[in-house]
Amino acid sequence: MPTMKTPTTKTLREGSARKRAAILLAARELFLADGFDRSSVDAVAARAEVSKRTVYDYFGDKRTLLRAVVDDIGRSLVTTVRRTLDETLTVPTGAAGLEDALVTFSMRIATDMLDSAEYATLRRLVRAESGNLPHRGYNSMADTPDEALAERLAAFAGAGLLDVPDPRLAADQFLALTFGVALDRLGSANAAEDARVRPLVVEGVRTFLRAYRTA
């Protein structure tokens, strides 16, 4: 009997992961197409090809399912940010290449993330369904991208390229000087749609470096 039980448990566990992903995808599609209020758990279950009981077993209720959908998209976007950091802001980077690296990182975020279907979906869901999320302006990514950038700036400081006594504050200021200025000035930081984003990002990077680059 024990030799039969182990593979059965493994199969169920793998099946559960597939079902969870199917439910999240089905809910995401329905919430976008029909809205949260008009999307029933029955409809989610039917699209995901699972039982209604399974949806409730995994997520408890429809509001928790909405939050799970938003959180799942947020995790995907955080992965994009971390991958972009690893591909563009390597340490050590020579002082001469630091500006180029920071601009490249910013422009990659402006295209790979802010121009992505995932980001558009997240904004649409949070805006349309704010009343059904834990609080207005609910941010499934929380502070993770900011903290990841802070860690990288601290690494640059360790390499002697920047002087950042407070890496998290420096990260916040970097984001404000680049994407924040673009959002405030243009209403968007999507470089794929608006060529005016890049000059603002470049000037923001240069302003940041004037404040934090080591002499």
N, C-alpha and C. Protein backbone atom coordinates (compact mmCIF):
# COMPACT_ATOMS: atom_id res chain seq x y z
N MET A 1 0.81 -1.22 0.00
CA MET A 1 0.00 0.00 0.00
C MET A 1 0.85 1.28 0.00
N PRO A 2 1.91 1.42 0.82
CA PRO A 2 2.70 2.66 0.82
C PRO A 2 3.27 2.98 -0.55
N THR A 3 3.64 1.93 -1.32
CA THR A 3 4.24 2.21 -2.62
C THR A 3 3.23 2.77 -3.60
N MET A 4 1.94 2.54 -3.36
CA MET A 4 0.91 3.09 -4.23
C MET A 4 0.51 4.51 -3.79
N LYS A 5 0.65 4.82 -2.51
CA LYS A 5 0.19 6.09 -1.98
C LYS A 5 1.07 7.27 -2.40
N THR A 6 2.38 7.06 -2.46
CA THR A 6 3.30 8.15 -2.75
C THR A 6 3.06 8.78 -4.12
N PRO A 7 2.99 8.00 -5.24
CA PRO A 7 2.75 8.62 -6.54
C PRO A 7 1.39 9.28 -6.63
N THR A 8 0.38 8.72 -5.92
CA THR A 8 -0.95 9.32 -5.95
C THR A 8 -0.91 10.71 -5.33
N THR A 9 -0.22 10.84 -4.19
CA THR A 9 -0.10 12.14 -3.52
C THR A 9 0.61 13.15 -4.42
N LYS A 10 1.67 12.70 -5.09
CA LYS A 10 2.42 13.58 -5.98
C LYS A 10 1.55 14.05 -7.14
N THR A 11 0.77 13.14 -7.73
CA THR A 11 -0.10 13.50 -8.83
C THR A 11 -1.14 14.53 -8.40
N LEU A 12 -1.73 14.34 -7.22
CA LEU A 12 -2.72 15.29 -6.73
C LEU A 12 -2.10 16.66 -6.50
N ARG A 13 -0.89 16.69 -5.98
CA ARG A 13 -0.24 17.97 -5.71
C ARG A 13 0.04 18.72 -7.01
N GLU A 14 0.50 18.01 -8.03
CA GLU A 14 0.74 18.63 -9.32
C GLU A 14 -0.57 19.09 -9.96
N GLY A 15 -1.59 18.25 -9.80
CA GLY A 15 -2.90 18.62 -10.33
C GLY A 15 -3.45 19.85 -9.65
N SER A 16 -3.23 20.00 -8.35
CA SER A 16 -3.70 21.15 -7.61
C SER A 16 -3.06 22.44 -8.13
N ALA A 17 -1.77 22.40 -8.44
CA ALA A 17 -1.11 23.59 -8.97
C ALA A 17 -1.71 23.98 -10.32
N ARG A 18 -1.99 23.00 -11.15
CA ARG A 18 -2.59 23.29 -12.45
C ARG A 18 -4.00 23.86 -12.29
N LYS A 19 -4.75 23.30 -11.36
CA LYS A 19 -6.11 23.80 -11.13
C LYS A 19 -6.09 25.24 -10.62
N ARG A 20 -5.17 25.53 -9.70
CA ARG A 20 -5.07 26.89 -9.16
C ARG A 20 -4.76 27.87 -10.29
N ALA A 21 -3.82 27.52 -11.16
CA ALA A 21 -3.47 28.40 -12.27
C ALA A 21 -4.65 28.57 -13.22
N ALA A 22 -5.39 27.49 -13.47
CA ALA A 22 -6.55 27.56 -14.36
C ALA A 22 -7.64 28.44 -13.78
N ILE A 23 -7.85 28.36 -12.47
CA ILE A 23 -8.87 29.18 -11.81
C ILE A 23 -8.48 30.65 -11.87
N LEU A 24 -7.22 30.95 -11.60
CA LEU A 24 -6.75 32.34 -11.64
C LEU A 24 -6.90 32.92 -13.05
N LEU A 25 -6.54 32.14 -14.06
CA LEU A 25 -6.65 32.62 -15.44
C LEU A 25 -8.11 32.85 -15.82
N ALA A 26 -8.97 31.90 -15.46
CA ALA A 26 -10.39 32.03 -15.78
C ALA A 26 -10.99 33.24 -15.09
N ALA A 27 -10.67 33.43 -13.82
CA ALA A 27 -11.20 34.57 -13.08
C ALA A 27 -10.70 35.88 -13.66
N ARG A 28 -9.43 35.93 -14.01
CA ARG A 28 -8.85 37.14 -14.60
C ARG A 28 -9.58 37.50 -15.89
N GLU A 29 -9.80 36.53 -16.76
CA GLU A 29 -10.47 36.78 -18.04
C GLU A 29 -11.91 37.26 -17.83
N LEU A 30 -12.62 36.64 -16.91
CA LEU A 30 -14.01 37.00 -16.66
C LEU A 30 -14.13 38.36 -15.98
N PHE A 31 -13.27 38.63 -15.00
CA PHE A 31 -13.31 39.91 -14.32
C PHE A 31 -13.05 41.06 -15.30
N LEU A 32 -12.14 40.83 -16.25
CA LEU A 32 -11.83 41.85 -17.24
C LEU A 32 -12.97 42.03 -18.24
N ALA A 33 -13.54 40.91 -18.67
CA ALA A 33 -14.58 40.96 -19.71
C ALA A 33 -15.93 41.41 -19.17
N ASP A 34 -16.32 40.89 -18.02
CA ASP A 34 -17.68 41.10 -17.51
C ASP A 34 -17.74 41.93 -16.24
N GLY A 35 -16.59 42.16 -15.60
CA GLY A 35 -16.58 42.86 -14.32
C GLY A 35 -16.76 41.88 -13.18
N PHE A 36 -16.31 42.31 -12.00
CA PHE A 36 -16.35 41.44 -10.83
C PHE A 36 -17.78 41.07 -10.44
N ASP A 37 -18.66 42.04 -10.38
CA ASP A 37 -20.02 41.79 -9.90
C ASP A 37 -20.79 40.85 -10.82
N ARG A 38 -20.55 40.93 -12.12
CA ARG A 38 -21.29 40.09 -13.07
C ARG A 38 -20.64 38.74 -13.32
N SER A 39 -19.48 38.51 -12.74
CA SER A 39 -18.78 37.23 -12.92
C SER A 39 -19.09 36.31 -11.74
N SER A 40 -19.75 35.22 -12.01
CA SER A 40 -20.13 34.29 -10.94
C SER A 40 -19.04 33.25 -10.71
N VAL A 41 -19.04 32.68 -9.53
CA VAL A 41 -18.12 31.59 -9.23
C VAL A 41 -18.43 30.40 -10.14
N ASP A 42 -19.71 30.20 -10.45
CA ASP A 42 -20.08 29.13 -11.38
C ASP A 42 -19.40 29.32 -12.73
N ALA A 43 -19.39 30.56 -13.22
CA ALA A 43 -18.78 30.85 -14.52
C ALA A 43 -17.26 30.63 -14.47
N VAL A 44 -16.65 31.04 -13.36
CA VAL A 44 -15.20 30.82 -13.19
C VAL A 44 -14.89 29.33 -13.20
N ALA A 45 -15.67 28.57 -12.45
CA ALA A 45 -15.46 27.12 -12.38
C ALA A 45 -15.63 26.47 -13.74
N ALA A 46 -16.66 26.89 -14.47
CA ALA A 46 -16.89 26.30 -15.79
C ALA A 46 -15.75 26.60 -16.74
N ARG A 47 -15.27 27.85 -16.75
CA ARG A 47 -14.18 28.21 -17.65
C ARG A 47 -12.89 27.50 -17.27
N ALA A 48 -12.67 27.33 -15.98
CA ALA A 48 -11.44 26.67 -15.50
C ALA A 48 -11.55 25.15 -15.58
N GLU A 49 -12.76 24.65 -15.86
CA GLU A 49 -13.02 23.21 -15.94
C GLU A 49 -12.73 22.52 -14.61
N VAL A 50 -13.23 23.16 -13.56
CA VAL A 50 -13.15 22.56 -12.22
C VAL A 50 -14.53 22.70 -11.59
N SER A 51 -14.71 22.09 -10.44
CA SER A 51 -15.98 22.21 -9.75
C SER A 51 -16.06 23.53 -8.99
N LYS A 52 -17.28 23.99 -8.74
CA LYS A 52 -17.48 25.19 -7.94
C LYS A 52 -16.88 24.99 -6.54
N ARG A 53 -16.99 23.79 -6.01
CA ARG A 53 -16.44 23.47 -4.70
C ARG A 53 -14.93 23.67 -4.69
N THR A 54 -14.27 23.32 -5.80
CA THR A 54 -12.81 23.49 -5.88
C THR A 54 -12.43 24.96 -5.80
N VAL A 55 -13.19 25.82 -6.48
CA VAL A 55 -12.91 27.25 -6.42
C VAL A 55 -12.99 27.74 -4.97
N TYR A 56 -14.05 27.33 -4.28
CA TYR A 56 -14.21 27.75 -2.89
C TYR A 56 -13.13 27.14 -1.99
N ASP A 57 -12.75 25.89 -2.26
CA ASP A 57 -11.71 25.25 -1.46
C ASP A 57 -10.37 25.97 -1.60
N TYR A 58 -10.10 26.48 -2.79
CA TYR A 58 -8.81 27.12 -3.04
C TYR A 58 -8.78 28.58 -2.59
N PHE A 59 -9.92 29.29 -2.76
CA PHE A 59 -9.89 30.73 -2.56
C PHE A 59 -10.92 31.27 -1.56
N GLY A 60 -11.81 30.44 -1.08
CA GLY A 60 -12.71 30.85 -0.03
C GLY A 60 -13.94 31.62 -0.49
N ASP A 61 -13.73 32.75 -1.17
CA ASP A 61 -14.86 33.52 -1.69
C ASP A 61 -14.38 34.34 -2.89
N LYS A 62 -15.32 35.01 -3.54
CA LYS A 62 -15.00 35.70 -4.79
C LYS A 62 -14.07 36.88 -4.58
N ARG A 63 -14.23 37.62 -3.49
CA ARG A 63 -13.33 38.75 -3.24
C ARG A 63 -11.90 38.28 -3.01
N THR A 64 -11.73 37.18 -2.29
CA THR A 64 -10.39 36.63 -2.09
C THR A 64 -9.80 36.18 -3.42
N LEU A 65 -10.65 35.66 -4.30
CA LEU A 65 -10.19 35.25 -5.63
C LEU A 65 -9.73 36.47 -6.42
N LEU A 66 -10.46 37.57 -6.35
CA LEU A 66 -10.04 38.80 -7.04
C LEU A 66 -8.68 39.26 -6.53
N ARG A 67 -8.52 39.26 -5.21
CA ARG A 67 -7.24 39.67 -4.65
C ARG A 67 -6.13 38.72 -5.11
N ALA A 68 -6.41 37.43 -5.19
CA ALA A 68 -5.42 36.47 -5.64
C ALA A 68 -5.02 36.73 -7.09
N VAL A 69 -5.99 37.12 -7.92
CA VAL A 69 -5.69 37.45 -9.31
C VAL A 69 -4.77 38.66 -9.38
N VAL A 70 -5.10 39.70 -8.62
CA VAL A 70 -4.30 40.92 -8.61
C VAL A 70 -2.89 40.63 -8.08
N ASP A 71 -2.80 39.84 -7.01
CA ASP A 71 -1.50 39.50 -6.43
C ASP A 71 -0.66 38.68 -7.40
N ASP A 72 -1.31 37.79 -8.14
CA ASP A 72 -0.59 36.94 -9.10
C ASP A 72 0.03 37.80 -10.20
N ILE A 73 -0.72 38.79 -10.68
CA ILE A 73 -0.18 39.70 -11.70
C ILE A 73 0.97 40.51 -11.10
N GLY A 74 0.81 40.96 -9.87
CA GLY A 74 1.86 41.72 -9.20
C GLY A 74 3.15 40.93 -9.09
N ARG A 75 3.04 39.65 -8.73
CA ARG A 75 4.24 38.81 -8.63
C ARG A 75 4.94 38.69 -9.98
N SER A 76 4.16 38.57 -11.05
CA SER A 76 4.73 38.48 -12.38
C SER A 76 5.49 39.75 -12.74
N LEU A 77 4.94 40.90 -12.39
CA LEU A 77 5.61 42.17 -12.67
C LEU A 77 6.87 42.35 -11.84
N VAL A 78 6.84 41.91 -10.59
CA VAL A 78 8.04 41.96 -9.75
C VAL A 78 9.14 41.11 -10.35
N THR A 79 8.77 39.96 -10.89
CA THR A 79 9.75 39.10 -11.56
C THR A 79 10.39 39.83 -12.73
N THR A 80 9.58 40.58 -13.47
CA THR A 80 10.11 41.37 -14.59
C THR A 80 11.10 42.41 -14.10
N VAL A 81 10.76 43.08 -13.01
CA VAL A 81 11.66 44.10 -12.46
C VAL A 81 12.99 43.48 -12.03
N ARG A 82 12.93 42.37 -11.33
CA ARG A 82 14.15 41.72 -10.85
C ARG A 82 15.00 41.23 -12.03
N ARG A 83 14.35 40.67 -13.04
CA ARG A 83 15.10 40.22 -14.21
C ARG A 83 15.77 41.39 -14.91
N THR A 84 15.07 42.50 -15.02
CA THR A 84 15.64 43.68 -15.66
C THR A 84 16.80 44.24 -14.86
N LEU A 85 16.69 44.24 -13.54
CA LEU A 85 17.81 44.66 -12.70
C LEU A 85 19.04 43.79 -12.96
N ASP A 86 18.83 42.48 -13.02
CA ASP A 86 19.94 41.56 -13.21
C ASP A 86 20.58 41.71 -14.58
N GLU A 87 19.79 42.10 -15.56
CA GLU A 87 20.30 42.19 -16.93
C GLU A 87 20.91 43.55 -17.26
N THR A 88 20.57 44.57 -16.49
CA THR A 88 21.03 45.91 -16.85
C THR A 88 21.93 46.58 -15.80
N LEU A 89 21.71 46.27 -14.53
CA LEU A 89 22.48 46.92 -13.48
C LEU A 89 23.39 45.91 -12.79
N THR A 90 24.40 45.47 -13.51
CA THR A 90 25.36 44.53 -12.94
C THR A 90 26.41 45.29 -12.15
N VAL A 91 26.99 44.63 -11.17
CA VAL A 91 28.01 45.24 -10.32
C VAL A 91 29.27 44.39 -10.40
N PRO A 92 30.47 44.98 -10.53
CA PRO A 92 30.65 46.43 -10.64
C PRO A 92 30.47 46.93 -12.07
N THR A 93 30.03 48.17 -12.19
CA THR A 93 29.95 48.87 -13.47
C THR A 93 30.86 50.08 -13.36
N GLY A 94 31.70 50.31 -14.36
CA GLY A 94 32.59 51.46 -14.32
C GLY A 94 31.81 52.75 -14.20
N ALA A 95 32.43 53.75 -13.61
CA ALA A 95 31.76 55.03 -13.40
C ALA A 95 31.26 55.61 -14.71
N ALA A 96 32.02 55.43 -15.78
CA ALA A 96 31.64 55.99 -17.08
C ALA A 96 30.37 55.35 -17.61
N GLY A 97 30.14 54.09 -17.26
CA GLY A 97 28.97 53.39 -17.77
C GLY A 97 27.78 53.42 -16.86
N LEU A 98 27.90 54.06 -15.71
CA LEU A 98 26.82 54.04 -14.73
C LEU A 98 25.58 54.76 -15.25
N GLU A 99 25.76 55.91 -15.86
CA GLU A 99 24.61 56.64 -16.40
C GLU A 99 23.90 55.80 -17.45
N ASP A 100 24.67 55.22 -18.37
CA ASP A 100 24.06 54.39 -19.42
C ASP A 100 23.29 53.21 -18.82
N ALA A 101 23.87 52.60 -17.78
CA ALA A 101 23.21 51.45 -17.16
C ALA A 101 21.89 51.85 -16.52
N LEU A 102 21.88 52.98 -15.83
CA LEU A 102 20.65 53.44 -15.17
C LEU A 102 19.59 53.85 -16.19
N VAL A 103 20.01 54.46 -17.28
CA VAL A 103 19.06 54.83 -18.34
C VAL A 103 18.51 53.57 -19.00
N THR A 104 19.39 52.61 -19.28
CA THR A 104 18.94 51.36 -19.90
C THR A 104 17.94 50.64 -19.02
N PHE A 105 18.23 50.56 -17.72
CA PHE A 105 17.30 49.94 -16.78
C PHE A 105 15.94 50.64 -16.84
N SER A 106 15.97 51.97 -16.76
CA SER A 106 14.72 52.74 -16.74
C SER A 106 13.92 52.55 -18.01
N MET A 107 14.58 52.55 -19.16
CA MET A 107 13.88 52.40 -20.42
C MET A 107 13.35 50.98 -20.60
N ARG A 108 14.08 50.01 -20.08
CA ARG A 108 13.57 48.63 -20.13
C ARG A 108 12.32 48.48 -19.29
N ILE A 109 12.31 49.09 -18.12
CA ILE A 109 11.11 49.06 -17.27
C ILE A 109 9.95 49.76 -17.98
N ALA A 110 10.26 50.88 -18.63
CA ALA A 110 9.23 51.65 -19.31
C ALA A 110 8.62 50.90 -20.50
N THR A 111 9.34 49.93 -21.04
CA THR A 111 8.81 49.16 -22.18
C THR A 111 8.39 47.76 -21.77
N ASP A 112 9.30 47.00 -21.13
CA ASP A 112 9.00 45.61 -20.78
C ASP A 112 7.92 45.50 -19.70
N MET A 113 7.82 46.49 -18.83
CA MET A 113 6.84 46.42 -17.75
C MET A 113 5.66 47.35 -18.00
N LEU A 114 5.92 48.65 -18.12
CA LEU A 114 4.83 49.62 -18.23
C LEU A 114 4.08 49.51 -19.55
N ASP A 115 4.69 48.87 -20.55
CA ASP A 115 4.00 48.67 -21.83
C ASP A 115 3.45 47.26 -21.96
N SER A 116 3.49 46.49 -20.86
CA SER A 116 3.07 45.09 -20.94
C SER A 116 1.57 44.93 -20.71
N ALA A 117 1.02 43.84 -21.25
CA ALA A 117 -0.39 43.52 -21.03
C ALA A 117 -0.64 43.27 -19.55
N GLU A 118 0.36 42.70 -18.85
CA GLU A 118 0.21 42.43 -17.43
C GLU A 118 -0.02 43.72 -16.64
N TYR A 119 0.78 44.72 -16.94
CA TYR A 119 0.66 45.99 -16.22
C TYR A 119 -0.67 46.67 -16.54
N ALA A 120 -1.06 46.64 -17.81
CA ALA A 120 -2.34 47.23 -18.21
C ALA A 120 -3.50 46.52 -17.51
N THR A 121 -3.40 45.21 -17.41
CA THR A 121 -4.44 44.43 -16.73
C THR A 121 -4.51 44.78 -15.25
N LEU A 122 -3.35 44.89 -14.62
CA LEU A 122 -3.31 45.23 -13.19
C LEU A 122 -3.95 46.58 -12.95
N ARG A 123 -3.58 47.58 -13.73
CA ARG A 123 -4.14 48.92 -13.55
C ARG A 123 -5.65 48.92 -13.76
N ARG A 124 -6.08 48.18 -14.78
CA ARG A 124 -7.51 48.16 -15.09
C ARG A 124 -8.31 47.51 -13.96
N LEU A 125 -7.80 46.39 -13.45
CA LEU A 125 -8.50 45.69 -12.37
C LEU A 125 -8.54 46.53 -11.10
N VAL A 126 -7.40 47.12 -10.74
CA VAL A 126 -7.34 47.91 -9.51
C VAL A 126 -8.24 49.13 -9.61
N ARG A 127 -8.27 49.74 -10.79
CA ARG A 127 -9.10 50.94 -10.97
C ARG A 127 -10.59 50.58 -10.97
N ALA A 128 -10.94 49.52 -11.70
CA ALA A 128 -12.36 49.17 -11.85
C ALA A 128 -12.95 48.50 -10.62
N GLU A 129 -12.11 47.74 -9.90
CA GLU A 129 -12.64 46.94 -8.79
C GLU A 129 -12.11 47.37 -7.44
N SER A 130 -11.77 48.65 -7.30
CA SER A 130 -11.18 49.13 -6.04
C SER A 130 -12.10 48.87 -4.85
N GLY A 131 -13.41 48.93 -5.08
CA GLY A 131 -14.34 48.70 -3.98
C GLY A 131 -14.39 47.28 -3.49
N ASN A 132 -13.86 46.36 -4.28
CA ASN A 132 -13.86 44.95 -3.90
C ASN A 132 -12.49 44.45 -3.45
N LEU A 133 -11.51 45.36 -3.43
CA LEU A 133 -10.17 45.04 -2.95
C LEU A 133 -10.04 45.51 -1.50
N PRO A 134 -9.00 45.05 -0.78
CA PRO A 134 -8.88 45.39 0.65
C PRO A 134 -8.96 46.88 0.96
N HIS A 135 -8.42 47.72 0.07
CA HIS A 135 -8.50 49.17 0.28
C HIS A 135 -8.26 49.87 -1.04
N ARG A 136 -8.66 51.11 -1.13
CA ARG A 136 -8.48 51.88 -2.36
C ARG A 136 -6.98 52.05 -2.65
N GLY A 137 -6.62 51.88 -3.91
CA GLY A 137 -5.22 51.99 -4.27
C GLY A 137 -4.41 50.77 -3.89
N TYR A 138 -5.10 49.64 -3.68
CA TYR A 138 -4.40 48.40 -3.29
C TYR A 138 -3.27 48.10 -4.26
N ASN A 139 -2.10 47.86 -3.72
CA ASN A 139 -0.90 47.63 -4.53
C ASN A 139 -0.37 46.24 -4.26
N SER A 140 -0.60 45.34 -5.20
CA SER A 140 -0.19 43.96 -4.99
C SER A 140 1.32 43.79 -5.01
N MET A 141 2.04 44.76 -5.61
CA MET A 141 3.50 44.67 -5.65
C MET A 141 4.13 45.22 -4.37
N ALA A 142 3.32 45.95 -3.58
CA ALA A 142 3.80 46.56 -2.34
C ALA A 142 5.09 47.34 -2.62
N ASP A 143 6.09 47.18 -1.77
CA ASP A 143 7.34 47.93 -1.93
C ASP A 143 8.45 47.09 -2.54
N THR A 144 8.12 45.90 -3.02
CA THR A 144 9.16 44.97 -3.48
C THR A 144 10.05 45.54 -4.57
N PRO A 145 9.51 46.14 -5.65
CA PRO A 145 10.40 46.69 -6.69
C PRO A 145 11.32 47.79 -6.15
N ASP A 146 10.77 48.65 -5.29
CA ASP A 146 11.57 49.74 -4.72
C ASP A 146 12.72 49.17 -3.88
N GLU A 147 12.40 48.13 -3.10
CA GLU A 147 13.42 47.53 -2.24
C GLU A 147 14.49 46.81 -3.07
N ALA A 148 14.07 46.19 -4.16
CA ALA A 148 15.03 45.52 -5.04
C ALA A 148 15.98 46.53 -5.65
N LEU A 149 15.46 47.68 -6.08
CA LEU A 149 16.32 48.73 -6.62
C LEU A 149 17.24 49.27 -5.54
N ALA A 150 16.73 49.43 -4.32
CA ALA A 150 17.55 49.91 -3.21
C ALA A 150 18.73 48.98 -2.96
N GLU A 151 18.48 47.69 -3.03
CA GLU A 151 19.57 46.71 -2.85
C GLU A 151 20.64 46.89 -3.92
N ARG A 152 20.21 47.15 -5.15
CA ARG A 152 21.19 47.31 -6.23
C ARG A 152 21.97 48.61 -6.07
N LEU A 153 21.31 49.67 -5.65
CA LEU A 153 22.02 50.94 -5.41
C LEU A 153 23.02 50.79 -4.27
N ALA A 154 22.66 50.01 -3.26
CA ALA A 154 23.58 49.76 -2.15
C ALA A 154 24.81 49.00 -2.65
N ALA A 155 24.59 48.09 -3.61
CA ALA A 155 25.72 47.36 -4.19
C ALA A 155 26.64 48.30 -4.96
N PHE A 156 26.05 49.25 -5.68
CA PHE A 156 26.86 50.25 -6.37
C PHE A 156 27.66 51.09 -5.37
N ALA A 157 27.03 51.40 -4.24
CA ALA A 157 27.74 52.14 -3.20
C ALA A 157 28.90 51.33 -2.67
N GLY A 158 28.67 50.01 -2.49
CA GLY A 158 29.74 49.14 -2.03
C GLY A 158 30.90 49.06 -3.00
N ALA A 159 30.60 49.25 -4.29
CA ALA A 159 31.65 49.24 -5.31
C ALA A 159 32.31 50.61 -5.46
N GLY A 160 31.88 51.59 -4.65
CA GLY A 160 32.49 52.90 -4.68
C GLY A 160 31.98 53.83 -5.76
N LEU A 161 30.86 53.48 -6.38
CA LEU A 161 30.33 54.29 -7.48
C LEU A 161 29.30 55.31 -7.03
N LEU A 162 28.63 55.03 -5.93
CA LEU A 162 27.61 55.93 -5.41
C LEU A 162 27.83 56.15 -3.92
N ASP A 163 27.32 57.26 -3.43
CA ASP A 163 27.32 57.54 -1.99
C ASP A 163 25.86 57.61 -1.56
N VAL A 164 25.34 56.50 -1.03
CA VAL A 164 23.92 56.43 -0.69
C VAL A 164 23.77 55.99 0.77
N PRO A 165 23.76 56.93 1.71
CA PRO A 165 23.59 56.59 3.13
C PRO A 165 22.29 55.84 3.40
N ASP A 166 21.25 56.17 2.63
CA ASP A 166 19.95 55.52 2.80
C ASP A 166 19.51 54.99 1.44
N PRO A 167 19.83 53.72 1.13
CA PRO A 167 19.53 53.17 -0.20
C PRO A 167 18.05 53.22 -0.57
N ARG A 168 17.16 52.98 0.41
CA ARG A 168 15.74 53.00 0.08
C ARG A 168 15.28 54.41 -0.28
N LEU A 169 15.77 55.40 0.44
CA LEU A 169 15.44 56.78 0.10
C LEU A 169 15.98 57.12 -1.29
N ALA A 170 17.19 56.67 -1.58
CA ALA A 170 17.78 56.92 -2.89
C ALA A 170 16.94 56.26 -3.99
N ALA A 171 16.46 55.05 -3.74
CA ALA A 171 15.61 54.36 -4.72
C ALA A 171 14.32 55.14 -4.94
N ASP A 172 13.71 55.60 -3.86
CA ASP A 172 12.47 56.37 -3.98
C ASP A 172 12.71 57.64 -4.80
N GLN A 173 13.83 58.30 -4.55
CA GLN A 173 14.13 59.53 -5.27
C GLN A 173 14.44 59.25 -6.73
N PHE A 174 15.12 58.14 -7.00
CA PHE A 174 15.40 57.76 -8.39
C PHE A 174 14.10 57.56 -9.16
N LEU A 175 13.18 56.82 -8.56
CA LEU A 175 11.89 56.55 -9.22
C LEU A 175 11.10 57.84 -9.42
N ALA A 176 11.16 58.74 -8.43
CA ALA A 176 10.44 60.02 -8.55
C ALA A 176 11.03 60.88 -9.66
N LEU A 177 12.34 60.87 -9.78
CA LEU A 177 13.01 61.71 -10.78
C LEU A 177 12.85 61.19 -12.20
N THR A 178 12.59 59.91 -12.34
CA THR A 178 12.47 59.32 -13.67
C THR A 178 11.00 59.08 -14.02
N PHE A 179 10.44 57.98 -13.53
CA PHE A 179 9.05 57.65 -13.87
C PHE A 179 8.07 58.65 -13.26
N GLY A 180 8.38 59.14 -12.06
CA GLY A 180 7.47 60.09 -11.42
C GLY A 180 7.31 61.37 -12.22
N VAL A 181 8.41 61.90 -12.73
CA VAL A 181 8.35 63.11 -13.54
C VAL A 181 7.56 62.86 -14.82
N ALA A 182 7.82 61.71 -15.46
CA ALA A 182 7.11 61.38 -16.69
C ALA A 182 5.60 61.26 -16.44
N LEU A 183 5.24 60.61 -15.35
CA LEU A 183 3.82 60.46 -15.03
C LEU A 183 3.18 61.81 -14.74
N ASP A 184 3.89 62.64 -14.01
CA ASP A 184 3.34 63.95 -13.65
C ASP A 184 3.23 64.86 -14.87
N ARG A 185 4.24 64.81 -15.73
CA ARG A 185 4.27 65.71 -16.88
C ARG A 185 3.39 65.21 -18.03
N LEU A 186 3.42 63.89 -18.28
CA LEU A 186 2.76 63.34 -19.46
C LEU A 186 1.53 62.50 -19.16
N GLY A 187 1.37 62.14 -17.88
CA GLY A 187 0.27 61.25 -17.52
C GLY A 187 0.57 59.81 -17.79
N SER A 188 1.79 59.52 -18.26
CA SER A 188 2.19 58.15 -18.57
C SER A 188 3.71 58.09 -18.58
N ALA A 189 4.26 56.90 -18.25
CA ALA A 189 5.70 56.69 -18.37
C ALA A 189 5.97 55.59 -19.38
N ASN A 190 5.04 55.41 -20.31
CA ASN A 190 5.14 54.35 -21.31
C ASN A 190 5.97 54.84 -22.49
N ALA A 191 7.25 54.46 -22.50
CA ALA A 191 8.16 54.94 -23.53
C ALA A 191 7.84 54.39 -24.90
N ALA A 192 7.14 53.25 -24.96
CA ALA A 192 6.80 52.67 -26.26
C ALA A 192 5.74 53.49 -26.98
N GLU A 193 4.96 54.23 -26.23
CA GLU A 193 3.88 55.02 -26.82
C GLU A 193 4.20 56.50 -26.94
N ASP A 194 5.17 56.97 -26.19
CA ASP A 194 5.45 58.40 -26.14
C ASP A 194 6.96 58.65 -26.13
N ALA A 195 7.47 59.19 -27.23
CA ALA A 195 8.91 59.43 -27.36
C ALA A 195 9.41 60.49 -26.39
N ARG A 196 8.50 61.24 -25.77
CA ARG A 196 8.91 62.29 -24.83
C ARG A 196 9.37 61.71 -23.49
N VAL A 197 9.11 60.42 -23.26
CA VAL A 197 9.48 59.81 -21.99
C VAL A 197 11.00 59.72 -21.85
N ARG A 198 11.69 59.30 -22.89
CA ARG A 198 13.14 59.06 -22.77
C ARG A 198 13.92 60.31 -22.33
N PRO A 199 13.71 61.48 -22.95
CA PRO A 199 14.47 62.65 -22.47
C PRO A 199 14.23 62.96 -21.01
N LEU A 200 13.01 62.76 -20.53
CA LEU A 200 12.72 63.00 -19.12
C LEU A 200 13.45 61.99 -18.24
N VAL A 201 13.49 60.73 -18.68
CA VAL A 201 14.19 59.69 -17.93
C VAL A 201 15.69 59.99 -17.88
N VAL A 202 16.26 60.35 -19.01
CA VAL A 202 17.70 60.65 -19.07
C VAL A 202 18.05 61.80 -18.14
N GLU A 203 17.26 62.87 -18.17
CA GLU A 203 17.54 64.01 -17.29
C GLU A 203 17.35 63.63 -15.83
N GLY A 204 16.37 62.77 -15.55
CA GLY A 204 16.17 62.31 -14.18
C GLY A 204 17.35 61.51 -13.68
N VAL A 205 17.90 60.64 -14.53
CA VAL A 205 19.08 59.86 -14.16
C VAL A 205 20.26 60.80 -13.88
N ARG A 206 20.45 61.77 -14.72
CA ARG A 206 21.57 62.70 -14.54
C ARG A 206 21.42 63.52 -13.26
N THR A 207 20.21 63.93 -12.94
CA THR A 207 19.96 64.65 -11.69
C THR A 207 20.27 63.77 -10.49
N PHE A 208 19.84 62.51 -10.58
CA PHE A 208 20.12 61.54 -9.51
C PHE A 208 21.64 61.38 -9.31
N LEU A 209 22.36 61.24 -10.40
CA LEU A 209 23.81 61.04 -10.31
C LEU A 209 24.52 62.28 -9.77
N ARG A 210 24.02 63.46 -10.09
CA ARG A 210 24.64 64.67 -9.53
C ARG A 210 24.53 64.67 -8.02
N ALA A 211 23.49 64.06 -7.49
CA ALA A 211 23.29 64.03 -6.05
C ALA A 211 24.05 62.89 -5.39
N TYR A 212 24.19 61.75 -6.08
CA TYR A 212 24.67 60.55 -5.41
C TYR A 212 25.98 59.97 -5.95
N ARG A 213 26.45 60.42 -7.10
CA ARG A 213 27.68 59.85 -7.61
C ARG A 213 28.85 60.27 -6.72
N THR A 214 29.77 59.36 -6.48
CA THR A 214 30.96 59.69 -5.69
C THR A 214 31.86 60.64 -6.46
N ALA A 215 32.55 61.49 -5.75
CA ALA A 215 33.42 62.47 -6.41
C ALA A 215 34.59 61.80 -7.09
